[in-house]
C-alpha atoms as a PDB file:
ATOM      1  CA  UNK A   1     -17.698  19.594  -7.998  1.00  0.00           C
ATOM      2  CA  UNK A   2     -15.795  17.179  -9.961  1.00  0.00           C
ATOM      3  CA  UNK A   3     -12.815  15.809  -7.921  1.00  0.00           C
ATOM      4  CA  UNK A   4      -9.559  16.284  -9.871  1.00  0.00           C
ATOM      5  CA  UNK A   5      -8.076  13.242  -8.176  1.00  0.00           C
ATOM      6  CA  UNK A   6     -10.835  11.037  -9.563  1.00  0.00           C
ATOM      7  CA  UNK A   7      -8.939   8.217 -11.432  1.00  0.00           C
ATOM      8  CA  UNK A   8     -11.747   8.020 -13.905  1.00  0.00           C
ATOM      9  CA  UNK A   9     -10.484  11.387 -15.455  1.00  0.00           C
ATOM     10  CA  UNK A  10      -7.158   9.924 -16.451  1.00  0.00           C
ATOM     11  CA  UNK A  11      -7.885   9.492 -20.232  1.00  0.00           C
ATOM     12  CA  UNK A  12      -4.612   9.958 -22.015  1.00  0.00           C
ATOM     13  CA  UNK A  13      -1.926   7.460 -22.914  1.00  0.00           C
ATOM     14  CA  UNK A  14       1.204   7.535 -20.793  1.00  0.00           C
ATOM     15  CA  UNK A  15       4.682   7.438 -22.153  1.00  0.00           C
ATOM     16  CA  UNK A  16       6.854   7.095 -18.920  1.00  0.00           C
ATOM     17  CA  UNK A  17       7.468   4.435 -16.441  1.00  0.00           C
ATOM     18  CA  UNK A  18       5.112   1.799 -17.742  1.00  0.00           C
ATOM     19  CA  UNK A  19       7.460  -1.056 -16.734  1.00  0.00           C
ATOM     20  CA  UNK A  20       5.187  -4.081 -16.769  1.00  0.00           C
ATOM     21  CA  UNK A  21       2.921  -3.762 -19.880  1.00  0.00           C
ATOM     22  CA  UNK A  22       3.502  -3.603 -23.681  1.00  0.00           C
ATOM     23  CA  UNK A  23       3.963  -0.238 -25.347  1.00  0.00           C
ATOM     24  CA  UNK A  24       0.510  -0.362 -26.659  1.00  0.00           C
ATOM     25  CA  UNK A  25      -1.183  -0.101 -23.190  1.00  0.00           C
ATOM     26  CA  UNK A  26      -2.397   3.225 -22.164  1.00  0.00           C
ATOM     27  CA  UNK A  27      -1.886   4.813 -18.818  1.00  0.00           C
ATOM     28  CA  UNK A  28      -3.097   2.583 -15.988  1.00  0.00           C
ATOM     29  CA  UNK A  29      -6.302   3.475 -14.335  1.00  0.00           C
ATOM     30  CA  UNK A  30      -5.990   1.630 -11.115  1.00  0.00           C
ATOM     31  CA  UNK A  31      -6.252  -2.121 -10.077  1.00  0.00           C
ATOM     32  CA  UNK A  32      -9.639  -2.675 -11.831  1.00  0.00           C
ATOM     33  CA  UNK A  33      -8.822  -1.068 -15.233  1.00  0.00           C
ATOM     34  CA  UNK A  34      -5.270  -2.629 -15.126  1.00  0.00           C
ATOM     35  CA  UNK A  35      -6.715  -6.095 -14.777  1.00  0.00           C
ATOM     36  CA  UNK A  36      -9.492  -5.594 -17.345  1.00  0.00           C
ATOM     37  CA  UNK A  37      -6.928  -4.506 -19.822  1.00  0.00           C
ATOM     38  CA  UNK A  38      -4.749  -7.493 -19.141  1.00  0.00           C
ATOM     39  CA  UNK A  39      -7.633  -9.624 -20.142  1.00  0.00           C
ATOM     40  CA  UNK A  40      -7.805  -8.077 -23.526  1.00  0.00           C
ATOM     41  CA  UNK A  41      -5.913  -9.301 -26.544  1.00  0.00           C
ATOM     42  CA  UNK A  42      -3.149  -7.120 -27.892  1.00  0.00           C
ATOM     43  CA  UNK A  43      -5.337  -6.278 -30.946  1.00  0.00           C
ATOM     44  CA  UNK A  44      -8.134  -5.345 -28.592  1.00  0.00           C
ATOM     45  CA  UNK A  45      -5.929  -3.111 -26.523  1.00  0.00           C
ATOM     46  CA  UNK A  46      -4.809  -1.301 -29.729  1.00  0.00           C
ATOM     47  CA  UNK A  47      -8.432  -0.715 -30.746  1.00  0.00           C
ATOM     48  CA  UNK A  48      -9.186   0.728 -27.471  1.00  0.00           C
ATOM     49  CA  UNK A  49      -6.213   2.852 -27.498  1.00  0.00           C
ATOM     50  CA  UNK A  50      -7.153   4.055 -30.928  1.00  0.00           C
ATOM     51  CA  UNK A  51     -10.586   5.152 -29.615  1.00  0.00           C
ATOM     52  CA  UNK A  52      -8.845   7.535 -27.205  1.00  0.00           C
ATOM     53  CA  UNK A  53     -11.171   8.658 -24.451  1.00  0.00           C
ATOM     54  CA  UNK A  54     -14.102   6.672 -25.817  1.00  0.00           C
ATOM     55  CA  UNK A  55     -12.003   3.601 -25.643  1.00  0.00           C
ATOM     56  CA  UNK A  56     -11.113   4.192 -21.981  1.00  0.00           C
ATOM     57  CA  UNK A  57     -14.688   4.899 -21.264  1.00  0.00           C
ATOM     58  CA  UNK A  58     -15.722   1.548 -22.674  1.00  0.00           C
ATOM     59  CA  UNK A  59     -13.036  -0.103 -20.533  1.00  0.00           C
ATOM     60  CA  UNK A  60     -14.217   1.790 -17.307  1.00  0.00           C
ATOM     61  CA  UNK A  61     -17.758   0.938 -18.082  1.00  0.00           C
ATOM     62  CA  UNK A  62     -16.846  -2.811 -18.145  1.00  0.00           C
ATOM     63  CA  UNK A  63     -15.067  -2.329 -14.951  1.00  0.00           C
ATOM     64  CA  UNK A  64     -18.042  -0.696 -13.350  1.00  0.00           C
ATOM     65  CA  UNK A  65     -20.123  -3.787 -14.205  1.00  0.00           C
ATOM     66  CA  UNK A  66     -17.584  -5.955 -12.376  1.00  0.00           C
ATOM     67  CA  UNK A  67     -18.588  -4.586  -8.876  1.00  0.00           C
ATOM     68  CA  UNK A  68     -20.117  -1.520  -7.220  1.00  0.00           C
ATOM     69  CA  UNK A  69     -16.978  -0.507  -5.329  1.00  0.00           C
ATOM     70  CA  UNK A  70     -14.682  -0.321  -8.360  1.00  0.00           C
ATOM     71  CA  UNK A  71     -13.242   3.205  -8.556  1.00  0.00           C
ATOM     72  CA  UNK A  72     -15.710   4.328  -5.909  1.00  0.00           C
ATOM     73  CA  UNK A  73     -14.993   6.774  -2.993  1.00  0.00           C
ATOM     74  CA  UNK A  74     -14.270   5.406   0.302  1.00  0.00           C
ATOM     75  CA  UNK A  75     -16.350   5.713   3.451  1.00  0.00           C
ATOM     76  CA  UNK A  76     -14.847   7.202   6.682  1.00  0.00           C
ATOM     77  CA  UNK A  77     -12.084   5.100   8.062  1.00  0.00           C
ATOM     78  CA  UNK A  78     -11.772   3.672  11.652  1.00  0.00           C
ATOM     79  CA  UNK A  79      -8.712   4.594  13.678  1.00  0.00           C
ATOM     80  CA  UNK A  80      -5.649   2.520  13.239  1.00  0.00           C
ATOM     81  CA  UNK A  81      -1.843   2.514  12.947  1.00  0.00           C
ATOM     82  CA  UNK A  82       0.249   2.946  16.065  1.00  0.00           C
ATOM     83  CA  UNK A  83      -1.890   3.185  19.099  1.00  0.00           C
ATOM     84  CA  UNK A  84      -4.922   1.833  17.352  1.00  0.00           C
ATOM     85  CA  UNK A  85      -6.279  -1.306  15.698  1.00  0.00           C
ATOM     86  CA  UNK A  86      -4.130  -2.073  12.602  1.00  0.00           C
ATOM     87  CA  UNK A  87      -5.593  -5.182  11.268  1.00  0.00           C
ATOM     88  CA  UNK A  88      -6.753  -8.655  12.595  1.00  0.00           C
ATOM     89  CA  UNK A  89      -5.322  -9.811  15.891  1.00  0.00           C
ATOM     90  CA  UNK A  90      -2.166 -11.807  15.316  1.00  0.00           C
ATOM     91  CA  UNK A  91      -2.180 -15.636  15.396  1.00  0.00           C
ATOM     92  CA  UNK A  92       0.435 -18.359  15.509  1.00  0.00           C
ATOM     93  CA  UNK A  93       1.077 -21.944  14.466  1.00  0.00           C
ATOM     94  CA  UNK A  94      -1.467 -23.299  16.921  1.00  0.00           C
ATOM     95  CA  UNK A  95      -4.228 -21.425  15.054  1.00  0.00           C
ATOM     96  CA  UNK A  96      -3.473 -22.901  11.673  1.00  0.00           C
ATOM     97  CA  UNK A  97      -5.932 -25.470  10.102  1.00  0.00           C
ATOM     98  CA  UNK A  98      -4.723 -28.253   7.914  1.00  0.00           C
ATOM     99  CA  UNK A  99      -6.504 -29.779   4.835  1.00  0.00           C
ATOM    100  CA  UNK A 100      -7.953 -33.227   5.199  1.00  0.00           C
ATOM    101  CA  UNK A 101      -5.108 -34.594   3.118  1.00  0.00           C
ATOM    102  CA  UNK A 102      -2.471 -32.890   5.227  1.00  0.00           C
ATOM    103  CA  UNK A 103      -0.914 -31.171   2.205  1.00  0.00           C
ATOM    104  CA  UNK A 104      -1.593 -27.598   3.059  1.00  0.00           C
ATOM    105  CA  UNK A 105      -2.691 -25.387   5.879  1.00  0.00           C
ATOM    106  CA  UNK A 106      -4.017 -21.893   6.565  1.00  0.00           C
ATOM    107  CA  UNK A 107      -1.608 -19.107   7.387  1.00  0.00           C
ATOM    108  CA  UNK A 108      -1.954 -17.215  10.643  1.00  0.00           C
ATOM    109  CA  UNK A 109      -3.339 -13.683  10.465  1.00  0.00           C
ATOM    110  CA  UNK A 110      -1.095 -10.875  11.525  1.00  0.00           C
ATOM    111  CA  UNK A 111      -1.250  -7.082  11.965  1.00  0.00           C
ATOM    112  CA  UNK A 112      -0.854  -5.192   8.813  1.00  0.00           C
ATOM    113  CA  UNK A 113       1.610  -2.882  10.589  1.00  0.00           C
ATOM    114  CA  UNK A 114       1.757   0.992  10.381  1.00  0.00           C
ATOM    115  CA  UNK A 115       2.687   1.257   6.655  1.00  0.00           C
ATOM    116  CA  UNK A 116       0.191  -0.612   4.589  1.00  0.00           C
ATOM    117  CA  UNK A 117      -1.070   2.146   2.133  1.00  0.00           C
ATOM    118  CA  UNK A 118      -4.200   0.050   1.807  1.00  0.00           C
ATOM    119  CA  UNK A 119      -6.782   2.590   2.618  1.00  0.00           C
ATOM    120  CA  UNK A 120      -6.953   1.888   6.254  1.00  0.00           C
ATOM    121  CA  UNK A 121      -5.865   4.510   8.818  1.00  0.00           C
ATOM    122  CA  UNK A 122      -2.252   4.136   9.636  1.00  0.00           C
ATOM    123  CA  UNK A 123       0.623   6.537  10.565  1.00  0.00           C
ATOM    124  CA  UNK A 124      -1.593   9.477  10.217  1.00  0.00           C
ATOM    125  CA  UNK A 125      -2.461   8.565   6.567  1.00  0.00           C
ATOM    126  CA  UNK A 126      -5.325   6.866   4.741  1.00  0.00           C
ATOM    127  CA  UNK A 127      -3.478   6.172   1.408  1.00  0.00           C
ATOM    128  CA  UNK A 128      -4.978   3.488  -0.811  1.00  0.00           C
ATOM    129  CA  UNK A 129      -2.272   2.488  -3.380  1.00  0.00           C
ATOM    130  CA  UNK A 130      -4.759  -0.065  -4.724  1.00  0.00           C
ATOM    131  CA  UNK A 131      -6.659   2.661  -6.365  1.00  0.00           C
ATOM    132  CA  UNK A 132      -3.622   4.024  -8.050  1.00  0.00           C
ATOM    133  CA  UNK A 133      -2.658   3.558 -11.769  1.00  0.00           C
ATOM    134  CA  UNK A 134      -0.039   0.770 -12.381  1.00  0.00           C
ATOM    135  CA  UNK A 135      -0.554  -1.143  -9.206  1.00  0.00           C
ATOM    136  CA  UNK A 136      -0.963  -4.361 -11.104  1.00  0.00           C
ATOM    137  CA  UNK A 137       2.669  -5.417 -11.558  1.00  0.00           C
ATOM    138  CA  UNK A 138       5.269  -8.232 -11.237  1.00  0.00           C
ATOM    139  CA  UNK A 139       8.214  -5.926 -10.801  1.00  0.00           C
ATOM    140  CA  UNK A 140       8.058  -3.940  -7.601  1.00  0.00           C
ATOM    141  CA  UNK A 141      11.540  -2.491  -7.752  1.00  0.00           C
ATOM    142  CA  UNK A 142      10.636   0.777  -9.463  1.00  0.00           C
ATOM    143  CA  UNK A 143       8.511   3.649  -8.307  1.00  0.00           C
ATOM    144  CA  UNK A 144       5.444   4.237 -10.359  1.00  0.00           C
ATOM    145  CA  UNK A 145       5.531   7.992  -9.397  1.00  0.00           C
ATOM    146  CA  UNK A 146       9.105   8.732 -10.230  1.00  0.00           C
ATOM    147  CA  UNK A 147      10.651   5.818 -12.051  1.00  0.00           C
ATOM    148  CA  UNK A 148      13.340   5.613  -9.444  1.00  0.00           C
ATOM    149  CA  UNK A 149      14.670   2.049  -8.711  1.00  0.00           C
ATOM    150  CA  UNK A 150      15.611   0.439  -5.357  1.00  0.00           C
ATOM    151  CA  UNK A 151      18.693  -1.630  -5.333  1.00  0.00           C
ATOM    152  CA  UNK A 152      19.285  -4.766  -3.313  1.00  0.00           C
ATOM    153  CA  UNK A 153      19.591  -8.444  -3.324  1.00  0.00           C
ATOM    154  CA  UNK A 154      17.060  -9.652  -5.959  1.00  0.00           C
ATOM    155  CA  UNK A 155      14.097 -11.619  -4.539  1.00  0.00           C
ATOM    156  CA  UNK A 156      11.586 -13.564  -6.691  1.00  0.00           C
ATOM    157  CA  UNK A 157       8.473 -14.491  -4.607  1.00  0.00           C
ATOM    158  CA  UNK A 158       6.204 -17.239  -5.820  1.00  0.00           C
ATOM    159  CA  UNK A 159       2.938 -17.461  -3.925  1.00  0.00           C
ATOM    160  CA  UNK A 160       0.229 -19.983  -4.471  1.00  0.00           C
ATOM    161  CA  UNK A 161      -3.185 -19.473  -2.937  1.00  0.00           C
ATOM    162  CA  UNK A 162      -5.158 -22.690  -2.097  1.00  0.00           C
ATOM    163  CA  UNK A 163      -8.479 -23.727  -0.540  1.00  0.00           C
ATOM    164  CA  UNK A 164      -7.763 -25.790   2.649  1.00  0.00           C
ATOM    165  CA  UNK A 165     -11.336 -26.878   2.680  1.00  0.00           C
ATOM    166  CA  UNK A 166     -11.013 -28.551  -0.644  1.00  0.00           C
ATOM    167  CA  UNK A 167      -7.687 -30.469  -0.353  1.00  0.00           C
ATOM    168  CA  UNK A 168      -5.683 -27.456  -1.444  1.00  0.00           C
ATOM    169  CA  UNK A 169      -7.611 -26.744  -4.684  1.00  0.00           C
ATOM    170  CA  UNK A 170      -6.105 -23.626  -6.312  1.00  0.00           C
ATOM    171  CA  UNK A 171      -8.043 -20.259  -5.828  1.00  0.00           C
ATOM    172  CA  UNK A 172      -8.150 -18.204  -8.984  1.00  0.00           C
ATOM    173  CA  UNK A 173      -9.275 -14.646  -9.272  1.00  0.00           C
ATOM    174  CA  UNK A 174      -8.047 -13.632  -5.857  1.00  0.00           C
ATOM    175  CA  UNK A 175      -5.834 -10.569  -5.361  1.00  0.00           C
ATOM    176  CA  UNK A 176      -2.503 -10.524  -3.557  1.00  0.00           C
ATOM    177  CA  UNK A 177      -1.189  -7.071  -2.470  1.00  0.00           C
ATOM    178  CA  UNK A 178       2.437  -7.295  -1.283  1.00  0.00           C
ATOM    179  CA  UNK A 179       4.689  -4.658   0.398  1.00  0.00           C
ATOM    180  CA  UNK A 180       8.003  -4.562   2.217  1.00  0.00           C
ATOM    181  CA  UNK A 181      10.872  -2.261   3.340  1.00  0.00           C
ATOM    182  CA  UNK A 182      13.949  -1.207   1.516  1.00  0.00           C
ATOM    183  CA  UNK A 183      17.403  -2.623   2.336  1.00  0.00           C
ATOM    184  CA  UNK A 184      17.708   0.397   4.653  1.00  0.00           C
ATOM    185  CA  UNK A 185      14.663  -0.549   6.433  1.00  0.00           C
ATOM    186  CA  UNK A 186      12.445   2.177   5.180  1.00  0.00           C
ATOM    187  CA  UNK A 187       8.925   2.061   3.727  1.00  0.00           C
ATOM    188  CA  UNK A 188       7.922   3.878   0.531  1.00  0.00           C
ATOM    189  CA  UNK A 189       5.182   6.441   1.019  1.00  0.00           C
ATOM    190  CA  UNK A 190       5.877   6.720   4.826  1.00  0.00           C
ATOM    191  CA  UNK A 191       9.549   7.137   5.588  1.00  0.00           C
ATOM    192  CA  UNK A 192      10.709  10.665   5.294  1.00  0.00           C
ATOM    193  CA  UNK A 193      13.474  10.148   2.752  1.00  0.00           C
ATOM    194  CA  UNK A 194      11.262   8.081   0.339  1.00  0.00           C
ATOM    195  CA  UNK A 195       7.786   9.525   1.055  1.00  0.00           C
ATOM    196  CA  UNK A 196       7.631  10.443  -2.715  1.00  0.00           C
ATOM    197  CA  UNK A 197       8.279   6.903  -3.833  1.00  0.00           C
ATOM    198  CA  UNK A 198       5.914   3.910  -4.149  1.00  0.00           C
ATOM    199  CA  UNK A 199       8.288   1.066  -4.983  1.00  0.00           C
ATOM    200  CA  UNK A 200       8.216  -2.354  -3.245  1.00  0.00           C
ATOM    201  CA  UNK A 201       4.432  -2.450  -3.351  1.00  0.00           C
ATOM    202  CA  UNK A 202       2.260  -4.076  -5.955  1.00  0.00           C
ATOM    203  CA  UNK A 203      -0.837  -6.296  -6.650  1.00  0.00           C
ATOM    204  CA  UNK A 204      -1.495  -9.271  -8.746  1.00  0.00           C
ATOM    205  CA  UNK A 205      -4.516 -11.496  -9.551  1.00  0.00           C
ATOM    206  CA  UNK A 206      -4.126 -15.226  -8.998  1.00  0.00           C
ATOM    207  CA  UNK A 207      -4.104 -17.343 -12.230  1.00  0.00           C
ATOM    208  CA  UNK A 208      -5.984 -20.692 -12.720  1.00  0.00           C
ATOM    209  CA  UNK A 209      -3.470 -22.469 -10.492  1.00  0.00           C
ATOM    210  CA  UNK A 210      -3.905 -19.815  -7.783  1.00  0.00           C
ATOM    211  CA  UNK A 211      -0.267 -18.470  -8.480  1.00  0.00           C
ATOM    212  CA  UNK A 212       1.282 -15.071  -8.591  1.00  0.00           C
ATOM    213  CA  UNK A 213       5.028 -14.010  -8.909  1.00  0.00           C
ATOM    214  CA  UNK A 214       6.562 -10.801  -7.535  1.00  0.00           C
ATOM    215  CA  UNK A 215      10.156  -9.430  -8.404  1.00  0.00           C
ATOM    216  CA  UNK A 216      11.329  -7.533  -5.511  1.00  0.00           C
ATOM    217  CA  UNK A 217      14.458  -7.101  -3.221  1.00  0.00           C
ATOM    218  CA  UNK A 218      15.306  -8.858  -0.111  1.00  0.00           C
ATOM    219  CA  UNK A 219      14.012  -6.516   2.700  1.00  0.00           C
ATOM    220  CA  UNK A 220      16.413  -4.952   5.382  1.00  0.00           C
ATOM    221  CA  UNK A 221      16.124  -5.566   9.109  1.00  0.00           C
ATOM    222  CA  UNK A 222      15.184  -2.661  11.111  1.00  0.00           C
ATOM    223  CA  UNK A 223      15.293  -2.245  14.843  1.00  0.00           C
ATOM    224  CA  UNK A 224      12.667  -4.339  16.877  1.00  0.00           C
ATOM    225  CA  UNK A 225      11.413  -6.588  13.905  1.00  0.00           C
ATOM    226  CA  UNK A 226      12.477  -9.911  12.429  1.00  0.00           C
ATOM    227  CA  UNK A 227      12.962  -9.527   8.625  1.00  0.00           C
ATOM    228  CA  UNK A 228       9.565  -9.931   6.952  1.00  0.00           C
ATOM    229  CA  UNK A 229       7.206  -9.160   4.046  1.00  0.00           C
ATOM    230  CA  UNK A 230       3.690  -8.021   4.335  1.00  0.00           C
ATOM    231  CA  UNK A 231       0.799  -9.272   2.215  1.00  0.00           C
ATOM    232  CA  UNK A 232      -3.006  -9.100   1.958  1.00  0.00           C
ATOM    233  CA  UNK A 233      -5.315 -11.389   0.043  1.00  0.00           C
ATOM    234  CA  UNK A 234      -8.661 -10.093  -1.346  1.00  0.00           C
ATOM    235  CA  UNK A 235     -11.420 -12.424  -2.496  1.00  0.00           C
ATOM    236  CA  UNK A 236     -12.108 -10.551  -5.811  1.00  0.00           C
ATOM    237  CA  UNK A 237     -11.171  -7.427  -7.713  1.00  0.00           C
ATOM    238  CA  UNK A 238     -13.925  -5.148  -6.414  1.00  0.00           C
ATOM    239  CA  UNK A 239     -12.887  -5.842  -2.772  1.00  0.00           C
ATOM    240  CA  UNK A 240      -9.145  -5.203  -3.493  1.00  0.00           C
ATOM    241  CA  UNK A 241     -10.041  -1.790  -5.210  1.00  0.00           C
ATOM    242  CA  UNK A 242     -11.697  -0.741  -2.073  1.00  0.00           C
ATOM    243  CA  UNK A 243      -8.507  -1.748   0.014  1.00  0.00           C
ATOM    244  CA  UNK A 244      -8.610  -2.929   3.575  1.00  0.00           C
ATOM    245  CA  UNK A 245     -11.329  -0.484   4.745  1.00  0.00           C
ATOM    246  CA  UNK A 246     -13.453  -2.262   7.470  1.00  0.00           C
ATOM    247  CA  UNK A 247     -10.962  -5.207   7.296  1.00  0.00           C
ATOM    248  CA  UNK A 248     -12.477  -6.636   4.112  1.00  0.00           C
ATOM    249  CA  UNK A 249      -9.381  -8.519   3.173  1.00  0.00           C
ATOM    250  CA  UNK A 250      -9.771 -12.273   3.331  1.00  0.00           C
ATOM    251  CA  UNK A 251      -6.285 -12.524   4.893  1.00  0.00           C
ATOM    252  CA  UNK A 252      -3.636 -10.091   6.381  1.00  0.00           C
ATOM    253  CA  UNK A 253      -0.350 -11.788   7.140  1.00  0.00           C
ATOM    254  CA  UNK A 254       3.440 -11.631   6.992  1.00  0.00           C
ATOM    255  CA  UNK A 255       6.242 -13.800   5.606  1.00  0.00           C
ATOM    256  CA  UNK A 256       9.085 -14.617   7.988  1.00  0.00           C
ATOM    257  CA  UNK A 257      12.527 -14.964   6.256  1.00  0.00           C
ATOM    258  CA  UNK A 258      14.932 -17.645   7.209  1.00  0.00           C
ATOM    259  CA  UNK A 259      17.924 -16.790   9.452  1.00  0.00           C
ATOM    260  CA  UNK A 260      20.646 -18.366   7.384  1.00  0.00           C
ATOM    261  CA  UNK A 261      19.554 -16.415   4.256  1.00  0.00           C
ATOM    262  CA  UNK A 262      19.176 -13.147   6.262  1.00  0.00           C
ATOM    263  CA  UNK A 263      22.744 -13.429   7.580  1.00  0.00           C
ATOM    264  CA  UNK A 264      24.120 -14.021   3.999  1.00  0.00           C
ATOM    265  CA  UNK A 265      22.160 -11.064   2.572  1.00  0.00           C
ATOM    266  CA  UNK A 266      23.029  -8.640   5.358  1.00  0.00           C
ATOM    267  CA  UNK A 267      26.700  -9.085   4.767  1.00  0.00           C
ATOM    268  CA  UNK A 268      26.046  -7.021   1.619  1.00  0.00           C
ATOM    269  CA  UNK A 269      27.178  -3.323   2.257  1.00  0.00           C
ATOM    270  CA  UNK A 270      23.912  -2.176   0.726  1.00  0.00           C
ATOM    271  CA  UNK A 271      22.136  -3.400   3.928  1.00  0.00           C
ATOM    272  CA  UNK A 272      24.061  -1.181   6.301  1.00  0.00           C
ATOM    273  CA  UNK A 273      22.753  -1.501   9.800  1.00  0.00           C
ATOM    274  CA  UNK A 274      20.691  -4.641   9.090  1.00  0.00           C
ATOM    275  CA  UNK A 275      23.206  -6.990  10.491  1.00  0.00           C
ATOM    276  CA  UNK A 276      23.443  -5.071  13.719  1.00  0.00           C
ATOM    277  CA  UNK A 277      19.685  -5.003  14.089  1.00  0.00           C
ATOM    278  CA  UNK A 278      19.386  -8.574  13.181  1.00  0.00           C
ATOM    279  CA  UNK A 279      21.760  -9.462  16.017  1.00  0.00           C
ATOM    280  CA  UNK A 280      19.469  -7.841  18.456  1.00  0.00           C
ATOM    281  CA  UNK A 281      16.284  -9.734  17.526  1.00  0.00           C
ATOM    282  CA  UNK A 282      15.147 -13.306  17.565  1.00  0.00           C
ATOM    283  CA  UNK A 283      11.979 -15.084  16.506  1.00  0.00           C
ATOM    284  CA  UNK A 284      11.168 -15.712  20.140  1.00  0.00           C
ATOM    285  CA  UNK A 285      11.344 -11.998  21.048  1.00  0.00           C
ATOM    286  CA  UNK A 286       9.655 -10.586  17.749  1.00  0.00           C
ATOM    287  CA  UNK A 287       6.223  -9.412  18.719  1.00  0.00           C
ATOM    288  CA  UNK A 288       4.642 -10.796  15.553  1.00  0.00           C
ATOM    289  CA  UNK A 289       6.370 -14.185  15.055  1.00  0.00           C
ATOM    290  CA  UNK A 290       7.043 -15.280  18.540  1.00  0.00           C
ATOM    291  CA  UNK A 291       3.987 -17.537  18.409  1.00  0.00           C
ATOM    292  CA  UNK A 292       5.355 -19.691  15.557  1.00  0.00           C
ATOM    293  CA  UNK A 293       6.334 -19.184  11.916  1.00  0.00           C
ATOM    294  CA  UNK A 294       6.276 -22.706  10.505  1.00  0.00           C
ATOM    295  CA  UNK A 295       3.359 -21.794   8.078  1.00  0.00           C
ATOM    296  CA  UNK A 296       4.804 -18.322   7.169  1.00  0.00           C
ATOM    297  CA  UNK A 297       8.449 -19.321   6.344  1.00  0.00           C
ATOM    298  CA  UNK A 298       9.039 -19.862   2.587  1.00  0.00           C
ATOM    299  CA  UNK A 299      11.223 -22.382   0.812  1.00  0.00           C
ATOM    300  CA  UNK A 300      14.257 -20.387  -0.506  1.00  0.00           C
ATOM    301  CA  UNK A 301      16.885 -21.283  -3.010  1.00  0.00           C
ATOM    302  CA  UNK A 302      19.726 -19.152  -4.465  1.00  0.00           C
ATOM    303  CA  UNK A 303      22.541 -17.044  -3.150  1.00  0.00           C
ATOM    304  CA  UNK A 304      23.262 -13.437  -2.124  1.00  0.00           C
ATOM    305  CA  UNK A 305      25.317 -12.934  -5.230  1.00  0.00           C
ATOM    306  CA  UNK A 306      22.801 -14.269  -7.590  1.00  0.00           C
ATOM    307  CA  UNK A 307      19.524 -13.483  -5.817  1.00  0.00           C
ATOM    308  CA  UNK A 308      16.917 -15.778  -4.166  1.00  0.00           C
ATOM    309  CA  UNK A 309      13.624 -17.433  -5.171  1.00  0.00           C
ATOM    310  CA  UNK A 310      11.181 -17.977  -2.436  1.00  0.00           C
ATOM    311  CA  UNK A 311       8.040 -20.172  -2.580  1.00  0.00           C
ATOM    312  CA  UNK A 312       5.193 -20.217  -0.193  1.00  0.00           C
ATOM    313  CA  UNK A 313       1.750 -21.825  -0.223  1.00  0.00           C
ATOM    314  CA  UNK A 314      -0.945 -19.616   1.294  1.00  0.00           C
ATOM    315  CA  UNK A 315      -3.939 -21.541   2.545  1.00  0.00           C
ATOM    316  CA  UNK A 316      -7.322 -20.018   2.973  1.00  0.00           C
ATOM    317  CA  UNK A 317     -10.770 -21.340   4.274  1.00  0.00           C
ATOM    318  CA  UNK A 318     -13.026 -19.275   1.972  1.00  0.00           C
END
């Protein structure tokens, strides 16, 4: 029987909440199709759209050739989330490796935590947002499902992926998947009050310089954790579409946010509770960051009033 949830059955143009693409794009068909479409010229996109279902079939056929896992079903998942393995064992600064020229280094791997929505089993769910339509996006502040927006101090995050083995040469064609909590310390798709939202999550493919940029909001501080953002890096599009099943991500890590910036942000009334929680945690007592965060702390400029820009180089040994 045909599965009605199969993303390959979404064949009609969409009119609502397409926030990151031109009006001539059709409804997103997941990470693979989104990326394939972005590689087309505007004229080619219009031609495919004009062909309707046939055009979409052509696009998905091209995607299928890109890798056997694209838009395919997932195998049974291992246990994970709270009480079970939830990603690679955490590392610290001592585990990082520097390039021969000393200009970059690897980032420590960390747990993905209980709210990844990356296909692995966590918090009693096996959601894989990387299969969902519209996941390739720069602006993470709106929900793809509802169009609702999350409000907070703006944060522009610039990430560059480099090869530590090759003196920091950029790594193109890799996929970053980023997620974080709201100013209230809640995670979309998991926290009860926003289980129907999917904002503050998104993926992008690195360009020729290994770069991606995300527009998000500064995350809140919830009890027991230092303020942070989560991310995964996948070696290619086919691996990313599958999600982090069987731990196939090239890197799972977290970004630690600087103390002075956190204190400035948490004075904002939209971050009710964050200042209190932040006062009860230190990097030394955080169960993820207590082994060092030098490689995981971005350079940040800006202000709480105008928003911040964070820059981080992410080193891999592919």
